[in-house]
Amino acid sequence: YHKAGDGRAPAEVRYLMTVVATASNPRFRV
């Protein structure tokens, strides 16, 4: 759902952001 050039973040960067955002909660994982 993320076409090149539309200003969206690539899948790997969205994954990385999600990992960083959830890292402090032991009940969260990605």
ModelCIF file with pLDDT and N, C-alpha, C, O atoms, coordinates in Angstrom:
data_MODEL
#
_entry.id   MODEL 
#
_entity.id                         1 
_entity.type                       polymer 
_entity.pdbx_number_of_molecules   1 
#
_entity_poly.entity_id                      1 
_entity_poly.type                           'polypeptide(L)' 
_entity_poly.nstd_linkage                   no 
_entity_poly.nstd_monomer                   no 
_entity_poly.pdbx_seq_one_letter_code       YHKAGDGRAPAEVRYLMTVVATASNPRFRV 
_entity_poly.pdbx_seq_one_letter_code_can   YHKAGDGRAPAEVRYLMTVVATASNPRFRV 
_entity_poly.pdbx_strand_id                 A 
#
loop_
_entity_poly_seq.entity_id 
_entity_poly_seq.num 
_entity_poly_seq.mon_id 
_entity_poly_seq.hetero 
1 1  TYR n 
1 2  HIS n 
1 3  LYS n 
1 4  ALA n 
1 5  GLY n 
1 6  ASP n 
1 7  GLY n 
1 8  ARG n 
1 9  ALA n 
1 10 PRO n 
1 11 ALA n 
1 12 GLU n 
1 13 VAL n 
1 14 ARG n 
1 15 TYR n 
1 16 LEU n 
1 17 MET n 
1 18 THR n 
1 19 VAL n 
1 20 VAL n 
1 21 ALA n 
1 22 THR n 
1 23 ALA n 
1 24 SER n 
1 25 ASN n 
1 26 PRO n 
1 27 ARG n 
1 28 PHE n 
1 29 ARG n 
1 30 VAL n 
#
_struct_asym.id          A 
_struct_asym.entity_id   1 
#
loop_
_ma_qa_metric.id 
_ma_qa_metric.mode 
_ma_qa_metric.name 
_ma_qa_metric.software_group_id 
_ma_qa_metric.type 
1 global pLDDT . pLDDT 
2 local  pLDDT . pLDDT 
#
_ma_qa_metric_global.metric_id      1 
_ma_qa_metric_global.metric_value   85.97 
_ma_qa_metric_global.model_id       1 
_ma_qa_metric_global.ordinal_id     1 
#
loop_
_ma_qa_metric_local.label_asym_id 
_ma_qa_metric_local.label_comp_id 
_ma_qa_metric_local.label_seq_id 
_ma_qa_metric_local.metric_id 
_ma_qa_metric_local.metric_value 
_ma_qa_metric_local.model_id 
_ma_qa_metric_local.ordinal_id 
A TYR 1  2 44.00 1 1  
A HIS 2  2 40.00 1 2  
A LYS 3  2 46.00 1 3  
A ALA 4  2 45.00 1 4  
A GLY 5  2 49.00 1 5  
A ASP 6  2 63.00 1 6  
A GLY 7  2 75.00 1 7  
A ARG 8  2 86.00 1 8  
A ALA 9  2 93.00 1 9  
A PRO 10 2 93.00 1 10 
A ALA 11 2 93.00 1 11 
A GLU 12 2 95.00 1 12 
A VAL 13 2 96.00 1 13 
A ARG 14 2 97.00 1 14 
A TYR 15 2 97.00 1 15 
A LEU 16 2 98.00 1 16 
A MET 17 2 98.00 1 17 
A THR 18 2 98.00 1 18 
A VAL 19 2 98.00 1 19 
A VAL 20 2 98.00 1 20 
A ALA 21 2 98.00 1 21 
A THR 22 2 98.00 1 22 
A ALA 23 2 98.00 1 23 
A SER 24 2 97.00 1 24 
A ASN 25 2 98.00 1 25 
A PRO 26 2 97.00 1 26 
A ARG 27 2 97.00 1 27 
A PHE 28 2 98.00 1 28 
A ARG 29 2 98.00 1 29 
A VAL 30 2 98.00 1 30 
#
loop_
_atom_site.group_PDB 
_atom_site.id 
_atom_site.type_symbol 
_atom_site.label_atom_id 
_atom_site.label_alt_id 
_atom_site.label_comp_id 
_atom_site.label_asym_id 
_atom_site.label_entity_id 
_atom_site.label_seq_id 
_atom_site.pdbx_PDB_ins_code 
_atom_site.Cartn_x 
_atom_site.Cartn_y 
_atom_site.Cartn_z 
_atom_site.occupancy 
_atom_site.B_iso_or_equiv 
_atom_site.pdbx_formal_charge 
_atom_site.auth_seq_id 
_atom_site.auth_comp_id 
_atom_site.auth_asym_id 
_atom_site.auth_atom_id 
_atom_site.pdbx_PDB_model_num 
ATOM 1   N N  . TYR A 1 1  ? 0.805  -1.218 0.000  1.00 44.00 ? 1  TYR A N  1 
ATOM 2   C CA . TYR A 1 1  ? 0.000  0.000  0.000  1.00 44.00 ? 1  TYR A CA 1 
ATOM 3   C C  . TYR A 1 1  ? 0.840  1.271  0.000  1.00 44.00 ? 1  TYR A C  1 
ATOM 4   O O  . TYR A 1 1  ? 0.301  2.365  0.168  1.00 44.00 ? 1  TYR A O  1 
ATOM 5   N N  . HIS A 1 2  ? 2.125  1.146  -0.182 1.00 40.00 ? 2  HIS A N  1 
ATOM 6   C CA . HIS A 1 2  ? 3.005  2.314  -0.091 1.00 40.00 ? 2  HIS A CA 1 
ATOM 7   C C  . HIS A 1 2  ? 3.777  2.469  -1.392 1.00 40.00 ? 2  HIS A C  1 
ATOM 8   O O  . HIS A 1 2  ? 4.864  1.912  -1.545 1.00 40.00 ? 2  HIS A O  1 
ATOM 9   N N  . LYS A 1 3  ? 3.221  3.217  -2.318 1.00 46.00 ? 3  LYS A N  1 
ATOM 10  C CA . LYS A 1 3  ? 3.834  3.370  -3.627 1.00 46.00 ? 3  LYS A CA 1 
ATOM 11  C C  . LYS A 1 3  ? 5.027  4.313  -3.545 1.00 46.00 ? 3  LYS A C  1 
ATOM 12  O O  . LYS A 1 3  ? 5.032  5.270  -2.771 1.00 46.00 ? 3  LYS A O  1 
ATOM 13  N N  . ALA A 1 4  ? 6.018  4.029  -4.343 1.00 45.00 ? 4  ALA A N  1 
ATOM 14  C CA . ALA A 1 4  ? 7.232  4.848  -4.341 1.00 45.00 ? 4  ALA A CA 1 
ATOM 15  C C  . ALA A 1 4  ? 6.892  6.283  -4.706 1.00 45.00 ? 4  ALA A C  1 
ATOM 16  O O  . ALA A 1 4  ? 6.100  6.534  -5.615 1.00 45.00 ? 4  ALA A O  1 
ATOM 17  N N  . GLY A 1 5  ? 7.494  7.215  -3.994 1.00 49.00 ? 5  GLY A N  1 
ATOM 18  C CA . GLY A 1 5  ? 7.357  8.612  -4.348 1.00 49.00 ? 5  GLY A CA 1 
ATOM 19  C C  . GLY A 1 5  ? 6.149  9.321  -3.782 1.00 49.00 ? 5  GLY A C  1 
ATOM 20  O O  . GLY A 1 5  ? 5.930  10.486 -4.113 1.00 49.00 ? 5  GLY A O  1 
ATOM 21  N N  . ASP A 1 6  ? 5.331  8.659  -2.922 1.00 63.00 ? 6  ASP A N  1 
ATOM 22  C CA . ASP A 1 6  ? 4.149  9.340  -2.404 1.00 63.00 ? 6  ASP A CA 1 
ATOM 23  C C  . ASP A 1 6  ? 4.397  9.943  -1.025 1.00 63.00 ? 6  ASP A C  1 
ATOM 24  O O  . ASP A 1 6  ? 3.459  10.383 -0.360 1.00 63.00 ? 6  ASP A O  1 
ATOM 25  N N  . GLY A 1 7  ? 5.656  9.963  -0.595 1.00 75.00 ? 7  GLY A N  1 
ATOM 26  C CA . GLY A 1 7  ? 5.988  10.578 0.668  1.00 75.00 ? 7  GLY A CA 1 
ATOM 27  C C  . GLY A 1 7  ? 5.864  9.661  1.860  1.00 75.00 ? 7  GLY A C  1 
ATOM 28  O O  . GLY A 1 7  ? 6.045  10.103 2.994  1.00 75.00 ? 7  GLY A O  1 
ATOM 29  N N  . ARG A 1 8  ? 5.561  8.390  1.638  1.00 86.00 ? 8  ARG A N  1 
ATOM 30  C CA . ARG A 1 8  ? 5.420  7.442  2.743  1.00 86.00 ? 8  ARG A CA 1 
ATOM 31  C C  . ARG A 1 8  ? 6.763  6.830  3.111  1.00 86.00 ? 8  ARG A C  1 
ATOM 32  O O  . ARG A 1 8  ? 7.716  6.857  2.332  1.00 86.00 ? 8  ARG A O  1 
ATOM 33  N N  . ALA A 1 9  ? 6.816  6.276  4.323  1.00 93.00 ? 9  ALA A N  1 
ATOM 34  C CA . ALA A 1 9  ? 8.032  5.605  4.774  1.00 93.00 ? 9  ALA A CA 1 
ATOM 35  C C  . ALA A 1 9  ? 8.076  4.178  4.251  1.00 93.00 ? 9  ALA A C  1 
ATOM 36  O O  . ALA A 1 9  ? 7.044  3.509  4.219  1.00 93.00 ? 9  ALA A O  1 
ATOM 37  N N  . PRO A 1 10 ? 9.249  3.691  3.837  1.00 93.00 ? 10 PRO A N  1 
ATOM 38  C CA . PRO A 1 10 ? 9.370  2.299  3.392  1.00 93.00 ? 10 PRO A CA 1 
ATOM 39  C C  . PRO A 1 10 ? 9.022  1.336  4.518  1.00 93.00 ? 10 PRO A C  1 
ATOM 40  O O  . PRO A 1 10 ? 9.077  1.697  5.693  1.00 93.00 ? 10 PRO A O  1 
ATOM 41  N N  . ALA A 1 11 ? 8.665  0.115  4.153  1.00 93.00 ? 11 ALA A N  1 
ATOM 42  C CA . ALA A 1 11 ? 8.247  -0.878 5.132  1.00 93.00 ? 11 ALA A CA 1 
ATOM 43  C C  . ALA A 1 11 ? 9.305  -1.107 6.209  1.00 93.00 ? 11 ALA A C  1 
ATOM 44  O O  . ALA A 1 11 ? 8.977  -1.197 7.392  1.00 93.00 ? 11 ALA A O  1 
ATOM 45  N N  . GLU A 1 12 ? 10.568 -1.200 5.805  1.00 95.00 ? 12 GLU A N  1 
ATOM 46  C CA . GLU A 1 12 ? 11.623 -1.480 6.782  1.00 95.00 ? 12 GLU A CA 1 
ATOM 47  C C  . GLU A 1 12 ? 11.779 -0.341 7.790  1.00 95.00 ? 12 GLU A C  1 
ATOM 48  O O  . GLU A 1 12 ? 12.091 -0.584 8.956  1.00 95.00 ? 12 GLU A O  1 
ATOM 49  N N  . VAL A 1 13 ? 11.564 0.895  7.349  1.00 96.00 ? 13 VAL A N  1 
ATOM 50  C CA . VAL A 1 13 ? 11.666 2.029  8.263  1.00 96.00 ? 13 VAL A CA 1 
ATOM 51  C C  . VAL A 1 13 ? 10.459 2.051  9.197  1.00 96.00 ? 13 VAL A C  1 
ATOM 52  O O  . VAL A 1 13 ? 10.608 2.351  10.382 1.00 96.00 ? 13 VAL A O  1 
ATOM 53  N N  . ARG A 1 14 ? 9.275  1.741  8.693  1.00 97.00 ? 14 ARG A N  1 
ATOM 54  C CA . ARG A 1 14 ? 8.096  1.670  9.555  1.00 97.00 ? 14 ARG A CA 1 
ATOM 55  C C  . ARG A 1 14 ? 8.263  0.562  10.592 1.00 97.00 ? 14 ARG A C  1 
ATOM 56  O O  . ARG A 1 14 ? 7.867  0.719  11.748 1.00 97.00 ? 14 ARG A O  1 
ATOM 57  N N  . TYR A 1 15 ? 8.850  -0.558 10.174 1.00 97.00 ? 15 TYR A N  1 
ATOM 58  C CA . TYR A 1 15 ? 9.127  -1.639 11.121 1.00 97.00 ? 15 TYR A CA 1 
ATOM 59  C C  . TYR A 1 15 ? 10.096 -1.154 12.205 1.00 97.00 ? 15 TYR A C  1 
ATOM 60  O O  . TYR A 1 15 ? 9.878  -1.399 13.392 1.00 97.00 ? 15 TYR A O  1 
ATOM 61  N N  . LEU A 1 16 ? 11.154 -0.472 11.795 1.00 98.00 ? 16 LEU A N  1 
ATOM 62  C CA . LEU A 1 16 ? 12.144 0.021  12.748 1.00 98.00 ? 16 LEU A CA 1 
ATOM 63  C C  . LEU A 1 16 ? 11.512 1.019  13.715 1.00 98.00 ? 16 LEU A C  1 
ATOM 64  O O  . LEU A 1 16 ? 11.776 0.964  14.916 1.00 98.00 ? 16 LEU A O  1 
ATOM 65  N N  . MET A 1 17 ? 10.682 1.929  13.209 1.00 98.00 ? 17 MET A N  1 
ATOM 66  C CA . MET A 1 17 ? 10.012 2.888  14.085 1.00 98.00 ? 17 MET A CA 1 
ATOM 67  C C  . MET A 1 17 ? 9.142  2.168  15.110 1.00 98.00 ? 17 MET A C  1 
ATOM 68  O O  . MET A 1 17 ? 9.090  2.566  16.274 1.00 98.00 ? 17 MET A O  1 
ATOM 69  N N  . THR A 1 18 ? 8.459  1.107  14.678 1.00 98.00 ? 18 THR A N  1 
ATOM 70  C CA . THR A 1 18 ? 7.578  0.367  15.581 1.00 98.00 ? 18 THR A CA 1 
ATOM 71  C C  . THR A 1 18 ? 8.381  -0.358 16.653 1.00 98.00 ? 18 THR A C  1 
ATOM 72  O O  . THR A 1 18 ? 7.970  -0.410 17.812 1.00 98.00 ? 18 THR A O  1 
ATOM 73  N N  . VAL A 1 19 ? 9.531  -0.920 16.267 1.00 98.00 ? 19 VAL A N  1 
ATOM 74  C CA . VAL A 1 19 ? 10.407 -1.573 17.242 1.00 98.00 ? 19 VAL A CA 1 
ATOM 75  C C  . VAL A 1 19 ? 10.893 -0.571 18.288 1.00 98.00 ? 19 VAL A C  1 
ATOM 76  O O  . VAL A 1 19 ? 10.859 -0.844 19.488 1.00 98.00 ? 19 VAL A O  1 
ATOM 77  N N  . VAL A 1 20 ? 11.342 0.582  17.821 1.00 98.00 ? 20 VAL A N  1 
ATOM 78  C CA . VAL A 1 20 ? 11.845 1.616  18.734 1.00 98.00 ? 20 VAL A CA 1 
ATOM 79  C C  . VAL A 1 20 ? 10.733 2.094  19.672 1.00 98.00 ? 20 VAL A C  1 
ATOM 80  O O  . VAL A 1 20 ? 10.960 2.272  20.869 1.00 98.00 ? 20 VAL A O  1 
ATOM 81  N N  . ALA A 1 21 ? 9.531  2.299  19.123 1.00 98.00 ? 21 ALA A N  1 
ATOM 82  C CA . ALA A 1 21 ? 8.423  2.838  19.912 1.00 98.00 ? 21 ALA A CA 1 
ATOM 83  C C  . ALA A 1 21 ? 7.956  1.883  21.003 1.00 98.00 ? 21 ALA A C  1 
ATOM 84  O O  . ALA A 1 21 ? 7.505  2.324  22.060 1.00 98.00 ? 21 ALA A O  1 
ATOM 85  N N  . THR A 1 22 ? 8.057  0.587  20.760 1.00 98.00 ? 22 THR A N  1 
ATOM 86  C CA . THR A 1 22 ? 7.506  -0.402 21.692 1.00 98.00 ? 22 THR A CA 1 
ATOM 87  C C  . THR A 1 22 ? 8.555  -1.004 22.622 1.00 98.00 ? 22 THR A C  1 
ATOM 88  O O  . THR A 1 22 ? 8.211  -1.795 23.500 1.00 98.00 ? 22 THR A O  1 
ATOM 89  N N  . ALA A 1 23 ? 9.820  -0.647 22.447 1.00 98.00 ? 23 ALA A N  1 
ATOM 90  C CA . ALA A 1 23 ? 10.914 -1.330 23.137 1.00 98.00 ? 23 ALA A CA 1 
ATOM 91  C C  . ALA A 1 23 ? 10.838 -1.237 24.659 1.00 98.00 ? 23 ALA A C  1 
ATOM 92  O O  . ALA A 1 23 ? 11.298 -2.144 25.354 1.00 98.00 ? 23 ALA A O  1 
ATOM 93  N N  . SER A 1 24 ? 10.268 -0.162 25.184 1.00 97.00 ? 24 SER A N  1 
ATOM 94  C CA . SER A 1 24 ? 10.286 0.030  26.635 1.00 97.00 ? 24 SER A CA 1 
ATOM 95  C C  . SER A 1 24 ? 9.188  -0.735 27.365 1.00 97.00 ? 24 SER A C  1 
ATOM 96  O O  . SER A 1 24 ? 9.195  -0.795 28.595 1.00 97.00 ? 24 SER A O  1 
ATOM 97  N N  . ASN A 1 25 ? 8.248  -1.318 26.633 1.00 98.00 ? 25 ASN A N  1 
ATOM 98  C CA . ASN A 1 25 ? 7.139  -2.038 27.274 1.00 98.00 ? 25 ASN A CA 1 
ATOM 99  C C  . ASN A 1 25 ? 7.354  -3.541 27.119 1.00 98.00 ? 25 ASN A C  1 
ATOM 100 O O  . ASN A 1 25 ? 7.326  -4.045 25.996 1.00 98.00 ? 25 ASN A O  1 
ATOM 101 N N  . PRO A 1 26 ? 7.567  -4.270 28.217 1.00 97.00 ? 26 PRO A N  1 
ATOM 102 C CA . PRO A 1 26 ? 7.843  -5.699 28.111 1.00 97.00 ? 26 PRO A CA 1 
ATOM 103 C C  . PRO A 1 26 ? 6.669  -6.521 27.578 1.00 97.00 ? 26 PRO A C  1 
ATOM 104 O O  . PRO A 1 26 ? 6.847  -7.668 27.170 1.00 97.00 ? 26 PRO A O  1 
ATOM 105 N N  . ARG A 1 27 ? 5.468  -5.933 27.580 1.00 97.00 ? 27 ARG A N  1 
ATOM 106 C CA . ARG A 1 27 ? 4.306  -6.660 27.036 1.00 97.00 ? 27 ARG A CA 1 
ATOM 107 C C  . ARG A 1 27 ? 4.107  -6.422 25.548 1.00 97.00 ? 27 ARG A C  1 
ATOM 108 O O  . ARG A 1 27 ? 3.220  -7.021 24.940 1.00 97.00 ? 27 ARG A O  1 
ATOM 109 N N  . PHE A 1 28 ? 4.918  -5.557 24.952 1.00 98.00 ? 28 PHE A N  1 
ATOM 110 C CA . PHE A 1 28 ? 4.806  -5.259 23.532 1.00 98.00 ? 28 PHE A CA 1 
ATOM 111 C C  . PHE A 1 28 ? 5.945  -5.929 22.767 1.00 98.00 ? 28 PHE A C  1 
ATOM 112 O O  . PHE A 1 28 ? 7.076  -5.981 23.249 1.00 98.00 ? 28 PHE A O  1 
ATOM 113 N N  . ARG A 1 29 ? 5.642  -6.441 21.577 1.00 98.00 ? 29 ARG A N  1 
ATOM 114 C CA . ARG A 1 29 ? 6.686  -6.878 20.657 1.00 98.00 ? 29 ARG A CA 1 
ATOM 115 C C  . ARG A 1 29 ? 6.207  -6.648 19.230 1.00 98.00 ? 29 ARG A C  1 
ATOM 116 O O  . ARG A 1 29 ? 5.027  -6.389 18.995 1.00 98.00 ? 29 ARG A O  1 
ATOM 117 N N  . VAL A 1 30 ? 7.121  -6.745 18.290 1.00 98.00 ? 30 VAL A N  1 
ATOM 118 C CA . VAL A 1 30 ? 6.819  -6.444 16.888 1.00 98.00 ? 30 VAL A CA 1 
ATOM 119 C C  . VAL A 1 30 ? 7.120  -7.666 16.035 1.00 98.00 ? 30 VAL A C  1 
ATOM 120 O O  . VAL A 1 30 ? 6.936  -7.629 14.818 1.00 98.00 ? 30 VAL A O  1 
#
